[in-house]
Protein backbone atom coordinates (compact mmCIF):
# COMPACT_ATOMS: atom_id res chain seq x y z
CA UNK A 1 133.46 50.94 166.38
CA UNK A 2 136.06 53.45 165.15
CA UNK A 3 137.00 51.14 162.32
CA UNK A 4 133.34 50.69 161.34
CA UNK A 5 132.82 54.46 161.34
CA UNK A 6 135.86 54.98 159.15
CA UNK A 7 134.65 52.20 156.86
CA UNK A 8 131.17 53.76 156.58
CA UNK A 9 132.70 57.13 155.71
CA UNK A 10 134.83 55.53 153.02
CA UNK A 11 131.76 53.77 151.59
CA UNK A 12 129.84 57.08 151.52
CA UNK A 13 132.75 58.86 149.81
CA UNK A 14 133.04 56.05 147.30
CA UNK A 15 129.31 56.20 146.58
CA UNK A 16 129.48 59.99 146.12
CA UNK A 17 132.40 59.66 143.72
CA UNK A 18 130.59 56.93 141.81
CA UNK A 19 127.42 59.05 141.62
CA UNK A 20 129.43 62.06 140.45
CA UNK A 21 131.15 59.96 137.81
CA UNK A 22 127.80 58.58 136.68
CA UNK A 23 126.43 62.13 136.39
CA UNK A 24 129.47 63.19 134.38
CA UNK A 25 129.03 60.23 132.04
CA UNK A 26 125.32 60.96 131.64
CA UNK A 27 125.99 64.65 130.91
CA UNK A 28 128.65 63.70 128.39
CA UNK A 29 126.25 61.28 126.74
CA UNK A 30 123.54 63.94 126.52
CA UNK A 31 125.98 66.46 125.07
CA UNK A 32 127.08 63.98 122.45
CA UNK A 33 123.48 63.16 121.58
CA UNK A 34 122.62 66.86 121.27
CA UNK A 35 125.69 67.47 119.14
CA UNK A 36 124.68 64.64 116.84
CA UNK A 37 121.14 65.99 116.63
CA UNK A 38 119.60 62.82 118.16
CA UNK A 39 118.00 64.31 121.26
CA UNK A 40 115.32 66.89 122.00
CA UNK A 41 117.73 69.81 121.61
CA UNK A 42 118.93 68.30 118.37
CA UNK A 43 115.34 68.23 117.15
CA UNK A 44 115.08 71.99 117.75
CA UNK A 45 118.38 72.50 115.96
CA UNK A 46 117.19 70.44 113.02
CA UNK A 47 113.95 72.41 112.91
CA UNK A 48 115.82 75.72 112.87
CA UNK A 49 118.21 74.42 110.22
CA UNK A 50 115.33 73.26 108.01
CA UNK A 51 113.54 76.58 108.42
CA UNK A 52 116.68 78.53 107.56
CA UNK A 53 117.27 76.29 104.54
CA UNK A 54 113.72 76.85 103.28
CA UNK A 55 114.04 80.62 103.71
CA UNK A 56 117.42 80.65 101.93
CA UNK A 57 116.08 78.57 99.04
CA UNK A 58 112.95 80.72 98.74
CA UNK A 59 114.90 83.99 98.72
CA UNK A 60 117.39 82.62 96.17
CA UNK A 61 114.67 81.41 93.78
CA UNK A 62 112.64 84.61 94.12
CA UNK A 63 115.68 86.86 93.66
CA UNK A 64 117.05 85.00 90.65
CA UNK A 65 113.68 84.67 88.92
CA UNK A 66 112.66 88.31 89.36
CA UNK A 67 114.68 89.71 86.46
CA UNK A 68 114.03 86.60 84.34
CA UNK A 69 110.26 86.93 84.69
CA UNK A 70 110.31 90.64 83.80
CA UNK A 71 112.31 89.97 80.62
CA UNK A 72 110.24 86.88 79.81
CA UNK A 73 106.99 88.86 80.14
CA UNK A 74 107.98 91.06 77.17
CA UNK A 75 106.67 90.29 73.70
CA UNK A 76 108.68 91.40 70.66
CA UNK A 77 110.84 93.55 72.91
CA UNK A 78 108.00 95.44 74.60
CA UNK A 79 105.45 95.02 77.39
CA UNK A 80 101.97 94.28 76.09
CA UNK A 81 100.51 94.85 79.55
CA UNK A 82 100.50 98.04 81.57
CA UNK A 83 103.43 98.07 84.00
CA UNK A 84 101.56 100.52 86.26
CA UNK A 85 98.67 98.06 86.68
CA UNK A 86 101.18 95.28 87.42
CA UNK A 87 102.79 97.43 90.12
CA UNK A 88 99.36 98.27 91.54
CA UNK A 89 98.53 94.55 91.83
CA UNK A 90 101.88 93.88 93.53
CA UNK A 91 101.13 96.50 96.21
CA UNK A 92 97.56 95.18 96.57
CA UNK A 93 98.77 91.60 97.07
CA UNK A 94 101.33 92.76 99.66
CA UNK A 95 98.56 94.61 101.47
CA UNK A 96 96.34 91.50 101.48
CA UNK A 97 99.20 89.33 102.79
CA UNK A 98 99.87 91.82 105.59
CA UNK A 99 96.19 91.79 106.55
CA UNK A 100 96.16 87.98 106.51
CA UNK A 101 99.16 87.93 108.87
CA UNK A 102 97.43 90.44 111.15
CA UNK A 103 94.23 88.37 111.16
CA UNK A 104 96.18 85.39 112.47
CA UNK A 105 97.75 87.54 115.18
CA UNK A 106 94.39 89.00 116.19
CA UNK A 107 92.92 85.50 116.38
CA UNK A 108 95.68 84.11 118.58
CA UNK A 109 96.66 87.15 120.69
CA UNK A 110 93.76 89.55 120.31
CA UNK A 111 93.82 93.20 119.25
CA UNK A 112 96.35 95.27 121.17
CA UNK A 113 97.68 98.82 121.05
CA UNK A 114 100.66 97.65 118.95
CA UNK A 115 98.83 95.53 116.37
CA UNK A 116 95.64 97.52 115.74
CA UNK A 117 95.23 99.22 112.37
CA UNK A 118 93.73 102.44 113.71
CA UNK A 119 96.43 105.03 114.20
CA UNK A 120 97.17 108.75 114.33
CA UNK A 121 97.87 111.15 111.50
CA UNK A 122 101.40 111.76 112.86
CA UNK A 123 102.23 108.07 112.45
CA UNK A 124 100.71 107.64 108.99
CA UNK A 125 101.96 110.89 107.44
CA UNK A 126 105.54 109.55 107.15
CA UNK A 127 104.69 106.64 104.83
CA UNK A 128 103.99 108.55 101.57
CA UNK A 129 107.70 109.43 101.16
CA UNK A 130 109.09 105.85 100.92
CA UNK A 131 105.97 104.74 99.01
CA UNK A 132 106.62 107.40 96.34
CA UNK A 133 110.31 106.46 96.13
CA UNK A 134 109.49 102.77 95.72
CA UNK A 135 106.96 103.67 93.00
CA UNK A 136 109.60 105.39 90.86
CA UNK A 137 112.18 102.67 91.51
CA UNK A 138 109.73 99.87 90.67
CA UNK A 139 108.72 101.54 87.40
CA UNK A 140 112.35 102.10 86.42
CA UNK A 141 113.12 98.39 86.85
CA UNK A 142 110.86 97.66 83.86
CA UNK A 143 112.43 100.27 81.58
CA UNK A 144 116.05 99.46 82.45
CA UNK A 145 115.72 96.20 80.51
CA UNK A 146 115.82 98.21 77.32
CA UNK A 147 119.54 98.62 78.07
CA UNK A 148 120.58 95.56 80.14
CA UNK A 149 119.87 91.84 80.13
CA UNK A 150 118.66 89.84 83.13
CA UNK A 151 122.14 88.78 84.39
CA UNK A 152 123.48 92.32 83.95
CA UNK A 153 120.54 93.71 85.92
CA UNK A 154 121.19 91.21 88.71
CA UNK A 155 124.79 92.47 88.93
CA UNK A 156 123.99 96.19 88.75
CA UNK A 157 121.23 95.81 91.35
CA UNK A 158 123.95 95.24 93.94
CA UNK A 159 124.80 98.95 93.72
CA UNK A 160 121.93 99.24 96.23
CA UNK A 161 124.40 98.00 98.83
CA UNK A 162 126.66 101.00 98.25
CA UNK A 163 123.87 103.59 98.38
CA UNK A 164 122.29 101.95 101.43
CA UNK A 165 125.60 101.83 103.30
CA UNK A 166 126.45 105.46 102.60
CA UNK A 167 122.92 106.62 103.52
CA UNK A 168 123.07 104.56 106.72
CA UNK A 169 126.05 106.61 107.81
CA UNK A 170 124.60 109.95 106.68
CA UNK A 171 121.02 109.53 107.94
CA UNK A 172 121.08 106.94 110.73
CA UNK A 173 124.62 107.87 111.87
CA UNK A 174 125.74 104.23 111.72
CA UNK A 175 129.50 104.12 111.31
CA UNK A 176 130.90 101.87 108.61
CA UNK A 177 134.06 99.86 109.16
CA UNK A 178 137.12 100.10 106.93
CA UNK A 179 136.33 96.60 105.65
CA UNK A 180 132.88 97.76 104.56
CA UNK A 181 134.33 100.74 102.68
CA UNK A 182 136.78 98.41 100.97
CA UNK A 183 133.84 96.11 100.13
CA UNK A 184 132.09 99.03 98.40
CA UNK A 185 135.14 99.62 96.20
CA UNK A 186 135.28 95.91 95.36
CA UNK A 187 131.58 95.87 94.56
CA UNK A 188 131.88 98.76 92.10
CA UNK A 189 134.92 97.08 90.52
CA UNK A 190 133.04 93.79 90.25
CA UNK A 191 130.00 95.43 88.61
CA UNK A 192 132.28 97.13 86.09
CA UNK A 193 134.24 93.94 85.39
CA UNK A 194 131.05 91.97 84.78
CA UNK A 195 129.96 94.55 82.20
CA UNK A 196 133.23 94.49 80.19
CA UNK A 197 132.66 93.71 76.51
CA UNK A 198 135.89 92.46 74.85
CA UNK A 199 134.12 91.52 71.60
CA UNK A 200 132.94 95.04 70.76
CA UNK A 201 134.30 98.54 70.24
CA UNK A 202 132.31 99.58 73.32
CA UNK A 203 134.21 98.91 76.55
CA UNK A 204 131.06 98.16 78.55
CA UNK A 205 128.08 96.04 77.53
CA UNK A 206 125.60 98.34 79.28
CA UNK A 207 125.28 101.80 77.69
CA UNK A 208 125.43 105.01 79.68
CA UNK A 209 121.63 105.21 79.94
CA UNK A 210 121.55 101.81 81.65
CA UNK A 211 124.21 102.82 84.15
CA UNK A 212 122.39 106.07 84.94
CA UNK A 213 119.11 104.22 85.51
CA UNK A 214 120.87 101.62 87.68
CA UNK A 215 122.47 104.33 89.82
CA UNK A 216 119.16 106.21 90.17
CA UNK A 217 117.42 102.96 91.16
CA UNK A 218 120.17 102.24 93.71
CA UNK A 219 119.80 105.71 95.26
CA UNK A 220 116.00 105.48 95.37
CA UNK A 221 116.04 101.97 96.83
CA UNK A 222 118.73 102.87 99.36
CA UNK A 223 117.03 106.04 100.56
CA UNK A 224 113.59 104.39 100.71
CA UNK A 225 115.01 101.42 102.64
CA UNK A 226 116.88 103.55 105.16
CA UNK A 227 113.92 105.90 105.60
CA UNK A 228 111.53 102.97 106.11
CA UNK A 229 113.86 101.40 108.69
CA UNK A 230 114.05 104.71 110.55
CA UNK A 231 110.23 104.87 110.60
CA UNK A 232 109.84 101.32 111.88
CA UNK A 233 112.51 101.62 114.55
CA UNK A 234 111.00 104.87 115.79
CA UNK A 235 108.29 102.71 117.36
CA UNK A 236 109.86 99.25 117.72
CA UNK A 237 106.92 97.74 119.63
CA UNK A 238 104.57 98.42 116.70
CA UNK A 239 103.71 95.26 114.76
CA UNK A 240 105.64 95.18 111.49
CA UNK A 241 102.56 93.99 109.56
CA UNK A 242 100.67 97.14 110.57
CA UNK A 243 103.57 99.31 109.41
CA UNK A 244 103.82 97.36 106.16
CA UNK A 245 100.06 97.66 105.65
CA UNK A 246 100.14 101.46 105.73
CA UNK A 247 103.21 101.55 103.48
CA UNK A 248 101.47 99.33 100.93
CA UNK A 249 98.23 101.34 101.13
CA UNK A 250 100.10 104.46 100.05
CA UNK A 251 101.87 102.37 97.42
CA UNK A 252 98.45 101.41 96.02
CA UNK A 253 97.35 105.07 96.02
CA UNK A 254 100.47 106.28 94.18
CA UNK A 255 100.28 103.44 91.66
CA UNK A 256 96.62 104.27 91.03
CA UNK A 257 97.68 107.85 90.29
CA UNK A 258 100.39 106.51 87.96
CA UNK A 259 97.74 104.49 86.08
CA UNK A 260 95.61 107.61 85.64
CA UNK A 261 98.54 109.66 84.38
CA UNK A 262 100.36 107.12 82.19
CA UNK A 263 97.94 104.37 81.13
CA UNK A 264 94.42 105.73 81.62
CA UNK A 265 93.43 105.57 77.93
CA UNK A 266 94.93 102.10 77.44
CA UNK A 267 93.18 100.73 80.53
CA UNK A 268 89.82 102.27 79.57
CA UNK A 269 89.99 101.09 75.94
CA UNK A 270 91.66 97.68 76.30
CA UNK A 271 90.91 96.74 79.91
CA UNK A 272 92.87 96.56 83.16
CA UNK A 273 94.28 93.08 82.47
CA UNK A 274 95.02 93.52 78.77
CA UNK A 275 98.20 91.74 77.72
CA UNK A 276 98.44 89.70 80.94
CA UNK A 277 99.75 86.14 80.66
CA UNK A 278 100.80 83.35 82.99
CA UNK A 279 104.33 84.81 83.08
CA UNK A 280 102.93 88.23 84.06
CA UNK A 281 100.93 86.66 86.88
CA UNK A 282 104.00 84.77 88.13
CA UNK A 283 106.01 87.99 87.97
CA UNK A 284 103.46 89.80 90.15
CA UNK A 285 103.44 86.93 92.67
CA UNK A 286 107.24 86.94 92.66
CA UNK A 287 107.46 90.66 93.46
CA UNK A 288 104.91 90.36 96.26
CA UNK A 289 106.46 87.26 97.85
CA UNK A 290 109.99 88.68 97.64
CA UNK A 291 109.08 91.25 100.29
CA UNK A 292 107.67 88.52 102.52
CA UNK A 293 110.81 86.41 102.04
CA UNK A 294 113.07 89.30 103.08
CA UNK A 295 111.04 89.79 106.28
CA UNK A 296 111.33 86.04 106.99
CA UNK A 297 115.11 86.28 106.58
CA UNK A 298 115.17 89.05 109.19
CA UNK A 299 113.14 86.90 111.60
CA UNK A 300 114.37 83.35 111.05
CA UNK A 301 117.81 83.66 109.46
CA UNK A 302 120.79 86.02 109.39
CA UNK A 303 122.93 88.17 107.11
CA UNK A 304 124.88 85.22 105.75
CA UNK A 305 121.64 83.98 104.16
CA UNK A 306 121.40 87.21 102.18
CA UNK A 307 125.02 86.79 101.09
CA UNK A 308 124.50 83.25 99.83
CA UNK A 309 121.14 84.05 98.23
CA UNK A 310 122.45 87.09 96.37
CA UNK A 311 125.59 85.32 95.16
CA UNK A 312 123.81 82.17 94.01
CA UNK A 313 121.00 84.23 92.42
CA UNK A 314 123.48 86.10 90.20
CA UNK A 315 124.95 82.88 88.81
CA UNK A 316 121.56 81.16 88.62
CA UNK A 317 120.10 84.06 86.64
CA UNK A 318 123.03 83.87 84.22
CA UNK A 319 122.70 80.09 83.75
CA UNK A 320 118.93 80.22 83.17
CA UNK A 321 119.36 83.16 80.76
CA UNK A 322 121.73 81.05 78.65
CA UNK A 323 118.88 78.65 77.85
CA UNK A 324 116.00 81.15 77.73
CA UNK A 325 117.55 84.20 76.08
CA UNK A 326 120.81 82.93 74.55
CA UNK A 327 122.96 84.82 77.07
CA UNK A 328 126.74 84.39 76.60
CA UNK A 329 128.51 83.74 79.91
CA UNK A 330 131.86 85.46 79.41
CA UNK A 331 134.94 85.20 81.61
CA UNK A 332 134.58 88.89 82.52
CA UNK A 333 131.01 88.34 83.73
CA UNK A 334 132.01 85.29 85.79
CA UNK A 335 134.97 87.09 87.41
CA UNK A 336 132.80 90.15 88.08
CA UNK A 337 130.20 87.95 89.76
CA UNK A 338 132.88 86.41 92.00
CA UNK A 339 134.22 89.86 92.98
CA UNK A 340 130.70 91.13 93.72
CA UNK A 341 129.98 88.03 95.85
CA UNK A 342 133.18 88.54 97.84
CA UNK A 343 132.38 92.24 98.35
CA UNK A 344 128.88 91.42 99.63
CA UNK A 345 130.34 88.88 102.05
CA UNK A 346 132.87 91.43 103.33
CA UNK A 347 130.18 94.09 103.70
CA UNK A 348 127.91 91.97 105.89
CA UNK A 349 130.68 90.23 107.83
CA UNK A 350 132.75 93.39 108.31
CA UNK A 351 130.26 95.25 110.50
CA UNK A 352 131.88 97.27 113.30
CA UNK A 353 131.37 95.87 116.81
CA UNK A 354 128.50 97.43 118.76
């Protein structure tokens, strides 16, 4: 009897060990399947990867084509259409897209305190400031092309990173790391290198007026972006589409005022859509969708997507400009683009730990 009891205990222990080993093998098999992307978890990973890839591609194409479409929309070196009406349509389209997104939310989740459009004067009164800043910046981006080409604009636009970083520390009290400060210096050096002109008596390709406009645009964009982020984070539970809607409404109002001041006679005599072409329409769609793409990056991707998109967009703009506008890709421009890309990478990857 004692022997049988000992034997039964040994059989139970052996069965437990065998079951444990089987579980370990099964877990290992599942982990390997998930790692290879063959199981259910792998399907989710593949879905996230595809979504991130689509967002990255969309942001890259939209960013690189923005400057190209603006330059391409000119005829004989000038805009035949009213740039104020184009800006007005951009803000209107953004507003419509925000409403469409809200309609889907209302249909699926109902109207709540955080996603309803009705609001208080205290909440709305803060939006005219960034809307006015974006108005000036968006108008300047048309006139800066009198002094820079599309690839040069794509390079100088990265000065926004410097202004945004400095204003983050001054306004939002977000400390910058030493790596980020070094990245700012690299970025300025890269922008300058890309603008070197060895084949002319002028050291830089872009004249002083172009640099001044680029710096003003960077300051306006940086301040407007930081101010808008401060507004949105003041009430984090508020639906972002509602906040965007009110920002775009004021953008429409200010652009309507700009039309009255700058282009009223032209619009009344020639019509609102005078001078519009397929390229102008694509440019307006591009500007409107760029804002949507950035919000998708914030939701579905990460900072590295912005790094890759910005870097690839600079080179892509230069390559396309070679065929469309006869742009000469110099060694200085290529090296400047590389330095700017490295500085952007360092800026986003060198954030101080929270």
